[in-house]
Structure formats: structure tokens, C-alpha cells
N, C-alpha and C. Protein backbone atom coordinates (compact mmCIF):
# COMPACT_ATOMS: atom_id res chain seq x y z
N MET A 1 -192.71 -20.23 110.84
CA MET A 1 -191.95 -21.30 110.26
C MET A 1 -191.46 -20.94 108.86
N LYS A 2 -192.36 -20.28 108.08
CA LYS A 2 -191.96 -19.87 106.74
C LYS A 2 -190.80 -18.86 106.82
N PHE A 3 -190.89 -17.97 107.81
CA PHE A 3 -189.82 -16.97 107.97
C PHE A 3 -188.48 -17.65 108.27
N LEU A 4 -188.50 -18.67 109.14
CA LEU A 4 -187.29 -19.40 109.48
C LEU A 4 -186.72 -20.10 108.25
N LEU A 5 -187.57 -20.71 107.43
CA LEU A 5 -187.12 -21.39 106.22
C LEU A 5 -186.51 -20.41 105.23
N ILE A 6 -187.12 -19.25 105.08
CA ILE A 6 -186.60 -18.22 104.17
C ILE A 6 -185.26 -17.69 104.68
N ALA A 7 -185.14 -17.51 105.99
CA ALA A 7 -183.88 -17.02 106.57
C ALA A 7 -182.76 -18.02 106.36
N VAL A 8 -183.05 -19.31 106.52
CA VAL A 8 -182.03 -20.35 106.31
C VAL A 8 -181.61 -20.38 104.85
N LEU A 9 -182.54 -20.33 103.93
CA LEU A 9 -182.20 -20.33 102.50
C LEU A 9 -181.38 -19.10 102.13
N ALA A 10 -181.72 -17.94 102.68
CA ALA A 10 -180.96 -16.72 102.39
C ALA A 10 -179.54 -16.84 102.94
N SER A 11 -179.39 -17.44 104.12
CA SER A 11 -178.06 -17.63 104.71
C SER A 11 -177.20 -18.55 103.86
N VAL A 12 -177.81 -19.65 103.38
CA VAL A 12 -177.07 -20.60 102.55
C VAL A 12 -176.67 -19.94 101.23
N ALA A 13 -177.57 -19.16 100.65
CA ALA A 13 -177.24 -18.48 99.39
C ALA A 13 -176.13 -17.47 99.58
N ALA A 14 -176.15 -16.77 100.69
CA ALA A 14 -175.10 -15.76 100.95
C ALA A 14 -173.76 -16.42 101.22
N ALA A 15 -173.78 -17.61 101.82
CA ALA A 15 -172.53 -18.29 102.15
C ALA A 15 -171.93 -19.04 100.97
N ALA A 16 -172.68 -19.22 99.90
CA ALA A 16 -172.18 -19.96 98.74
C ALA A 16 -171.03 -19.18 98.10
N PRO A 17 -170.06 -19.88 97.52
CA PRO A 17 -168.94 -19.19 96.86
C PRO A 17 -169.46 -18.28 95.76
N GLN A 18 -168.85 -17.13 95.66
CA GLN A 18 -169.31 -16.13 94.70
C GLN A 18 -168.53 -16.16 93.39
N GLY A 19 -167.69 -17.14 93.21
CA GLY A 19 -166.95 -17.25 91.96
C GLY A 19 -165.62 -16.49 91.97
N TYR A 20 -165.26 -15.86 93.10
CA TYR A 20 -164.01 -15.13 93.17
C TYR A 20 -162.95 -16.04 93.77
N SER A 21 -161.80 -16.04 93.17
CA SER A 21 -160.69 -16.77 93.75
C SER A 21 -159.47 -15.85 93.78
N ALA A 22 -158.68 -15.99 94.81
CA ALA A 22 -157.48 -15.16 94.95
C ALA A 22 -156.52 -15.46 93.82
N PRO A 23 -155.79 -14.44 93.36
CA PRO A 23 -154.82 -14.70 92.28
C PRO A 23 -153.72 -15.64 92.76
N ALA A 24 -153.26 -16.46 91.87
CA ALA A 24 -152.20 -17.40 92.20
C ALA A 24 -150.91 -16.64 92.44
N PRO A 25 -150.10 -17.08 93.41
CA PRO A 25 -148.82 -16.41 93.64
C PRO A 25 -147.89 -16.60 92.44
N PRO A 26 -147.00 -15.65 92.24
CA PRO A 26 -146.07 -15.79 91.11
C PRO A 26 -145.20 -17.02 91.30
N ARG A 27 -144.88 -17.67 90.23
CA ARG A 27 -144.04 -18.87 90.26
C ARG A 27 -142.70 -18.57 89.62
N TYR A 28 -141.69 -19.16 90.20
CA TYR A 28 -140.36 -19.06 89.61
C TYR A 28 -140.17 -20.25 88.70
N ASP A 29 -139.26 -20.12 87.76
CA ASP A 29 -138.96 -21.28 86.91
C ASP A 29 -138.49 -22.42 87.80
N SER A 30 -139.09 -23.54 87.64
CA SER A 30 -138.74 -24.67 88.49
C SER A 30 -137.68 -25.54 87.83
N VAL A 31 -136.60 -24.90 87.43
CA VAL A 31 -135.49 -25.61 86.82
C VAL A 31 -134.55 -26.04 87.94
N GLU A 32 -134.19 -27.29 87.94
CA GLU A 32 -133.26 -27.78 88.95
C GLU A 32 -131.84 -27.44 88.54
N ILE A 33 -131.09 -26.89 89.47
CA ILE A 33 -129.69 -26.52 89.23
C ILE A 33 -128.82 -27.45 90.07
N ALA A 34 -127.83 -28.02 89.45
CA ALA A 34 -126.94 -28.95 90.16
C ALA A 34 -126.06 -28.22 91.15
N ILE A 35 -125.87 -28.83 92.30
CA ILE A 35 -124.93 -28.31 93.29
C ILE A 35 -123.60 -29.01 93.04
N LEU A 36 -122.59 -28.22 92.67
CA LEU A 36 -121.29 -28.80 92.34
C LEU A 36 -120.44 -29.06 93.57
N ARG A 37 -120.60 -28.20 94.58
CA ARG A 37 -119.79 -28.34 95.80
C ARG A 37 -120.61 -27.85 96.97
N ASP A 38 -120.61 -28.60 98.07
CA ASP A 38 -121.30 -28.21 99.29
C ASP A 38 -120.50 -28.78 100.46
N GLU A 39 -119.67 -27.95 101.03
CA GLU A 39 -118.80 -28.38 102.12
C GLU A 39 -119.14 -27.59 103.37
N ARG A 40 -119.44 -28.31 104.44
CA ARG A 40 -119.81 -27.66 105.70
C ARG A 40 -119.04 -28.32 106.83
N VAL A 41 -118.42 -27.48 107.66
CA VAL A 41 -117.71 -27.97 108.83
C VAL A 41 -118.18 -27.14 110.01
N ILE A 42 -118.68 -27.80 111.04
CA ILE A 42 -119.15 -27.12 112.25
C ILE A 42 -118.39 -27.73 113.43
N GLU A 43 -117.66 -26.89 114.13
CA GLU A 43 -116.88 -27.33 115.28
C GLU A 43 -117.72 -27.22 116.56
N ASP A 44 -117.32 -27.95 117.59
CA ASP A 44 -118.05 -27.93 118.85
C ASP A 44 -117.99 -26.57 119.55
N ASP A 45 -116.96 -25.80 119.29
CA ASP A 45 -116.83 -24.50 119.97
C ASP A 45 -117.55 -23.37 119.24
N GLY A 46 -118.27 -23.67 118.15
CA GLY A 46 -119.04 -22.66 117.44
C GLY A 46 -118.42 -22.22 116.13
N ARG A 47 -117.16 -22.56 115.91
CA ARG A 47 -116.53 -22.19 114.63
C ARG A 47 -117.18 -22.99 113.50
N TYR A 48 -117.21 -22.40 112.32
CA TYR A 48 -117.76 -23.12 111.19
C TYR A 48 -117.16 -22.61 109.88
N ASN A 49 -117.25 -23.44 108.85
CA ASN A 49 -116.88 -23.11 107.48
C ASN A 49 -117.97 -23.64 106.57
N PHE A 50 -118.31 -22.84 105.56
CA PHE A 50 -119.36 -23.22 104.63
C PHE A 50 -118.94 -22.77 103.25
N ASP A 51 -118.87 -23.70 102.31
CA ASP A 51 -118.53 -23.38 100.92
C ASP A 51 -119.52 -24.12 100.02
N MET A 52 -120.07 -23.39 99.04
CA MET A 52 -121.04 -23.98 98.14
C MET A 52 -120.88 -23.36 96.77
N GLU A 53 -121.12 -24.18 95.74
CA GLU A 53 -121.06 -23.71 94.36
C GLU A 53 -122.11 -24.46 93.56
N THR A 54 -122.83 -23.73 92.70
CA THR A 54 -123.87 -24.35 91.87
C THR A 54 -123.47 -24.28 90.40
N ALA A 55 -124.17 -25.06 89.58
CA ALA A 55 -123.86 -25.12 88.16
C ALA A 55 -124.19 -23.82 87.42
N ASN A 56 -125.05 -22.98 87.99
CA ASN A 56 -125.37 -21.72 87.32
C ASN A 56 -124.50 -20.55 87.79
N GLY A 57 -123.40 -20.85 88.49
CA GLY A 57 -122.43 -19.81 88.81
C GLY A 57 -122.56 -19.17 90.17
N ILE A 58 -123.46 -19.63 91.00
CA ILE A 58 -123.56 -19.08 92.36
C ILE A 58 -122.45 -19.69 93.20
N VAL A 59 -121.69 -18.83 93.88
CA VAL A 59 -120.62 -19.28 94.75
C VAL A 59 -120.80 -18.59 96.10
N VAL A 60 -120.82 -19.38 97.18
CA VAL A 60 -120.99 -18.86 98.53
C VAL A 60 -119.88 -19.42 99.40
N SER A 61 -119.26 -18.55 100.19
CA SER A 61 -118.23 -18.98 101.12
C SER A 61 -118.39 -18.18 102.40
N GLU A 62 -118.39 -18.86 103.52
CA GLU A 62 -118.57 -18.17 104.80
C GLU A 62 -117.85 -18.95 105.88
N HIS A 63 -117.28 -18.22 106.83
CA HIS A 63 -116.69 -18.86 108.00
C HIS A 63 -117.03 -18.05 109.24
N GLY A 64 -117.07 -18.72 110.36
CA GLY A 64 -117.41 -18.05 111.60
C GLY A 64 -116.46 -18.45 112.70
N THR A 65 -116.20 -17.50 113.58
CA THR A 65 -115.35 -17.74 114.74
C THR A 65 -116.06 -17.20 115.98
N VAL A 66 -115.65 -17.69 117.13
CA VAL A 66 -116.24 -17.23 118.38
C VAL A 66 -115.70 -15.83 118.68
N GLY A 67 -116.60 -14.91 118.94
CA GLY A 67 -116.22 -13.53 119.23
C GLY A 67 -116.38 -13.19 120.69
N LEU A 68 -116.59 -11.92 120.96
CA LEU A 68 -116.75 -11.44 122.33
C LEU A 68 -118.03 -11.98 122.95
N GLU A 69 -117.96 -12.32 124.20
CA GLU A 69 -119.11 -12.77 124.97
C GLU A 69 -119.86 -13.92 124.31
N GLY A 70 -119.15 -14.80 123.63
CA GLY A 70 -119.76 -15.98 123.04
C GLY A 70 -120.46 -15.77 121.72
N ALA A 71 -120.47 -14.56 121.21
CA ALA A 71 -121.11 -14.30 119.92
C ALA A 71 -120.28 -14.92 118.80
N ILE A 72 -120.90 -15.13 117.67
CA ILE A 72 -120.20 -15.67 116.51
C ILE A 72 -119.91 -14.54 115.54
N ASN A 73 -118.65 -14.38 115.17
CA ASN A 73 -118.25 -13.42 114.15
C ASN A 73 -118.20 -14.17 112.82
N SER A 74 -118.88 -13.63 111.83
CA SER A 74 -118.92 -14.28 110.52
C SER A 74 -118.27 -13.38 109.47
N ALA A 75 -117.69 -14.01 108.48
CA ALA A 75 -117.14 -13.29 107.34
C ALA A 75 -117.28 -14.21 106.13
N GLY A 76 -117.46 -13.59 104.99
CA GLY A 76 -117.59 -14.42 103.81
C GLY A 76 -117.90 -13.62 102.57
N SER A 77 -118.35 -14.33 101.55
CA SER A 77 -118.66 -13.69 100.28
C SER A 77 -119.64 -14.55 99.51
N PHE A 78 -120.31 -13.92 98.56
CA PHE A 78 -121.09 -14.68 97.60
C PHE A 78 -121.07 -13.93 96.29
N SER A 79 -121.27 -14.68 95.21
CA SER A 79 -121.30 -14.07 93.89
C SER A 79 -122.27 -14.84 93.01
N TYR A 80 -122.86 -14.11 92.07
CA TYR A 80 -123.80 -14.69 91.13
C TYR A 80 -123.97 -13.72 89.98
N THR A 81 -124.67 -14.13 88.96
CA THR A 81 -124.97 -13.26 87.83
C THR A 81 -126.43 -12.85 87.91
N ALA A 82 -126.67 -11.55 87.91
CA ALA A 82 -128.04 -11.02 87.99
C ALA A 82 -128.79 -11.35 86.71
N PRO A 83 -130.12 -11.32 86.74
CA PRO A 83 -130.91 -11.63 85.53
C PRO A 83 -130.55 -10.76 84.33
N ASP A 84 -130.08 -9.53 84.57
CA ASP A 84 -129.70 -8.67 83.44
C ASP A 84 -128.28 -8.93 82.96
N GLY A 85 -127.60 -9.93 83.54
CA GLY A 85 -126.25 -10.29 83.12
C GLY A 85 -125.15 -9.63 83.91
N THR A 86 -125.48 -8.78 84.86
CA THR A 86 -124.48 -8.09 85.68
C THR A 86 -123.89 -9.06 86.70
N PRO A 87 -122.56 -9.16 86.76
CA PRO A 87 -121.97 -10.00 87.81
C PRO A 87 -122.08 -9.29 89.17
N ILE A 88 -122.56 -10.00 90.16
CA ILE A 88 -122.73 -9.47 91.51
C ILE A 88 -121.77 -10.20 92.43
N SER A 89 -121.01 -9.44 93.19
CA SER A 89 -120.09 -10.03 94.15
C SER A 89 -120.17 -9.21 95.43
N LEU A 90 -120.34 -9.89 96.56
CA LEU A 90 -120.47 -9.20 97.83
C LEU A 90 -119.58 -9.88 98.85
N GLN A 91 -118.82 -9.09 99.57
CA GLN A 91 -118.03 -9.56 100.70
C GLN A 91 -118.66 -8.97 101.95
N PHE A 92 -118.60 -9.69 103.07
CA PHE A 92 -119.21 -9.16 104.28
C PHE A 92 -118.47 -9.62 105.52
N VAL A 93 -118.67 -8.85 106.58
CA VAL A 93 -118.22 -9.18 107.92
C VAL A 93 -119.42 -8.91 108.82
N ALA A 94 -119.69 -9.81 109.74
CA ALA A 94 -120.74 -9.61 110.73
C ALA A 94 -120.13 -9.90 112.09
N ASP A 95 -119.96 -8.85 112.88
CA ASP A 95 -119.34 -9.00 114.20
C ASP A 95 -119.99 -8.05 115.18
N GLU A 96 -119.28 -7.69 116.24
CA GLU A 96 -119.86 -6.80 117.25
C GLU A 96 -120.19 -5.41 116.69
N ASN A 97 -119.70 -5.09 115.51
CA ASN A 97 -120.01 -3.81 114.87
C ASN A 97 -121.17 -3.91 113.89
N GLY A 98 -121.82 -5.08 113.83
CA GLY A 98 -122.96 -5.26 112.94
C GLY A 98 -122.56 -5.89 111.62
N PHE A 99 -123.51 -5.92 110.70
CA PHE A 99 -123.30 -6.48 109.37
C PHE A 99 -122.71 -5.41 108.48
N GLN A 100 -121.58 -5.71 107.86
CA GLN A 100 -120.85 -4.74 107.05
C GLN A 100 -120.60 -5.30 105.66
N PRO A 101 -121.52 -5.08 104.74
CA PRO A 101 -121.34 -5.59 103.38
C PRO A 101 -120.50 -4.65 102.53
N GLN A 102 -119.82 -5.21 101.55
CA GLN A 102 -119.06 -4.42 100.58
C GLN A 102 -119.26 -5.04 99.21
N GLY A 103 -119.60 -4.19 98.25
CA GLY A 103 -119.78 -4.66 96.89
C GLY A 103 -119.98 -3.49 95.96
N ALA A 104 -119.52 -3.63 94.74
CA ALA A 104 -119.61 -2.53 93.76
C ALA A 104 -121.06 -2.22 93.41
N HIS A 105 -121.97 -3.17 93.58
CA HIS A 105 -123.37 -2.96 93.21
C HIS A 105 -124.18 -2.26 94.30
N LEU A 106 -123.63 -2.13 95.50
CA LEU A 106 -124.38 -1.51 96.60
C LEU A 106 -124.46 0.00 96.42
N PRO A 107 -125.59 0.59 96.78
CA PRO A 107 -125.70 2.04 96.65
C PRO A 107 -124.80 2.75 97.66
N VAL A 108 -124.34 3.92 97.28
CA VAL A 108 -123.48 4.73 98.15
C VAL A 108 -124.20 6.05 98.40
N ALA A 109 -124.22 6.47 99.64
CA ALA A 109 -124.87 7.74 99.97
C ALA A 109 -124.15 8.87 99.25
N PRO A 110 -124.90 9.82 98.72
CA PRO A 110 -124.24 10.94 98.04
C PRO A 110 -123.48 11.82 99.03
N GLU A 111 -122.49 12.47 98.53
CA GLU A 111 -121.73 13.39 99.37
C GLU A 111 -122.62 14.57 99.69
N PHE A 112 -122.35 15.21 100.83
CA PHE A 112 -123.15 16.36 101.22
C PHE A 112 -123.05 17.39 100.10
N PRO A 113 -124.16 17.95 99.65
CA PRO A 113 -124.14 18.77 98.44
C PRO A 113 -123.37 20.09 98.56
N HIS A 114 -123.17 20.58 99.77
CA HIS A 114 -122.46 21.85 99.90
C HIS A 114 -121.90 21.96 101.32
N PRO A 115 -120.91 22.83 101.50
CA PRO A 115 -120.41 23.03 102.85
C PRO A 115 -121.45 23.79 103.69
N ILE A 116 -121.36 23.64 105.00
CA ILE A 116 -122.29 24.36 105.89
C ILE A 116 -121.93 25.84 105.85
N PRO A 117 -122.91 26.71 105.57
CA PRO A 117 -122.63 28.15 105.48
C PRO A 117 -122.12 28.71 106.81
N GLN A 118 -121.31 29.74 106.71
CA GLN A 118 -120.70 30.32 107.90
C GLN A 118 -121.75 30.87 108.87
N PHE A 119 -122.84 31.47 108.35
CA PHE A 119 -123.84 32.03 109.26
C PHE A 119 -124.51 30.93 110.09
N VAL A 120 -124.60 29.71 109.56
CA VAL A 120 -125.17 28.60 110.32
C VAL A 120 -124.19 28.20 111.42
N LEU A 121 -122.91 28.12 111.07
CA LEU A 121 -121.90 27.79 112.08
C LEU A 121 -121.86 28.85 113.17
N ASP A 122 -122.00 30.14 112.78
CA ASP A 122 -122.02 31.23 113.77
C ASP A 122 -123.22 31.07 114.71
N GLN A 123 -124.38 30.73 114.17
CA GLN A 123 -125.58 30.58 115.01
C GLN A 123 -125.43 29.40 115.97
N ILE A 124 -124.83 28.32 115.51
CA ILE A 124 -124.60 27.17 116.39
C ILE A 124 -123.66 27.56 117.53
N ALA A 125 -122.59 28.30 117.23
CA ALA A 125 -121.65 28.75 118.26
C ALA A 125 -122.35 29.70 119.24
N PHE A 126 -123.18 30.61 118.74
CA PHE A 126 -123.91 31.55 119.60
C PHE A 126 -124.84 30.80 120.54
N ALA A 127 -125.55 29.79 120.04
CA ALA A 127 -126.45 29.00 120.88
C ALA A 127 -125.67 28.27 121.96
N ALA A 128 -124.49 27.77 121.64
CA ALA A 128 -123.67 27.09 122.64
C ALA A 128 -123.23 28.06 123.72
N GLN A 129 -122.87 29.31 123.33
CA GLN A 129 -122.49 30.33 124.33
C GLN A 129 -123.67 30.66 125.23
N GLU A 130 -124.84 30.80 124.65
CA GLU A 130 -126.04 31.11 125.45
C GLU A 130 -126.33 29.97 126.43
N ASP A 131 -126.19 28.74 125.97
CA ASP A 131 -126.43 27.60 126.87
C ASP A 131 -125.43 27.58 128.01
N ALA A 132 -124.18 27.98 127.75
CA ALA A 132 -123.14 27.98 128.78
C ALA A 132 -123.42 29.06 129.83
N ARG A 133 -124.02 30.19 129.45
CA ARG A 133 -124.30 31.27 130.39
C ARG A 133 -125.55 31.01 131.22
N ARG A 134 -126.42 30.16 130.75
CA ARG A 134 -127.68 29.89 131.43
C ARG A 134 -127.41 29.16 132.74
N PRO A 135 -128.09 29.58 133.85
CA PRO A 135 -127.89 28.86 135.11
C PRO A 135 -128.46 27.43 135.01
N GLN A 136 -127.86 26.54 135.76
CA GLN A 136 -128.30 25.15 135.73
C GLN A 136 -129.67 24.98 136.38
N GLU A 137 -129.93 25.73 137.45
CA GLU A 137 -131.22 25.68 138.14
C GLU A 137 -132.16 26.67 137.48
N PRO A 138 -133.41 26.33 137.25
CA PRO A 138 -134.34 27.31 136.68
C PRO A 138 -134.61 28.42 137.68
N SER A 139 -134.80 29.62 137.16
CA SER A 139 -135.07 30.76 138.04
C SER A 139 -136.51 30.66 138.56
N GLY A 140 -136.80 31.43 139.61
CA GLY A 140 -138.14 31.44 140.19
C GLY A 140 -139.13 32.21 139.33
N ARG A 141 -138.63 32.99 138.37
CA ARG A 141 -139.52 33.81 137.55
C ARG A 141 -140.17 33.01 136.43
N TYR A 142 -139.59 31.91 136.07
CA TYR A 142 -140.10 31.14 134.94
C TYR A 142 -140.30 29.70 135.35
N GLY A 143 -141.45 29.20 135.17
CA GLY A 143 -141.73 27.80 135.49
C GLY A 143 -141.72 26.97 134.23
N ALA A 144 -141.07 25.87 134.30
CA ALA A 144 -141.03 25.00 133.13
C ALA A 144 -142.42 24.43 132.88
N PRO A 145 -142.79 24.22 131.64
CA PRO A 145 -144.13 23.69 131.33
C PRO A 145 -144.30 22.28 131.82
């Protein structure tokens, strides 16, 4: 009985809070920004228009039309001022070719640093010639792994 009482007390002590609490999530400034314009039109066939503007300079405009096979093609833009003061403006199209954003702030892949050397091109051509000469059926002398 004493063992059972000691085991229960040890369990309760182990289950008690140890004084650790998870850090609070970061908070954003909870400043309310007025919405100056919010216009939304949604048609029965799937077409839509959306225009919004806030007092802190955020402007969003988007419209959608019915595309191939009932999909919705969207196009639009948004602009705002980044925290460092940089004006950000993005235009986009989203259709059967995917999402295609355009904006001066978006990163651009660097150009290939150099032309492909001739010896590499020669080796690629040689490999293609070897593949063309190879029989389509494997020979009896070599078994594929």
C-alpha cells in the first residue's frame, strides 16, 4: 500500500507543470487601416471582377473569365509600399499556362555564365551517333541487369 501511495505521489509530481511555457507568437501591429474601395462582381457563369484599395496605399485589382474546360483564367495586379519604402507592383496572369507574375522586384535567373565548350558539343554528337548505330534489340552476348 505504501508503494502504491508513493507511486501515485511521484506520478502527480511528474505531471505538474514545470514552469515552461511556449514562446508567444510574434504579433503584428494591430492598427486598423480603412478600406477606401471594395468592389466585387461575381457573374453566374464564373466571370468576376475585384477591386480594392486601402488607406495605406494597397491597391488590388483582379478579373477572371471562363477558360478552357471550365477553368477560370485570372489576370490582375496589386501594389503596395514595402516596409523599407520600396514601391512594389506586380501584374499577373493565371491561366492554362500556370501563374505568370511580372514585377521589377522579382528575382531573375542569371544568364548562363559561358557558352557550352565545343568539346562538350562534340561528345554529345558522338554519343548520339553511337546510340543511332546500336541495335534496338539487345544482343545475346550481353544481358541487361
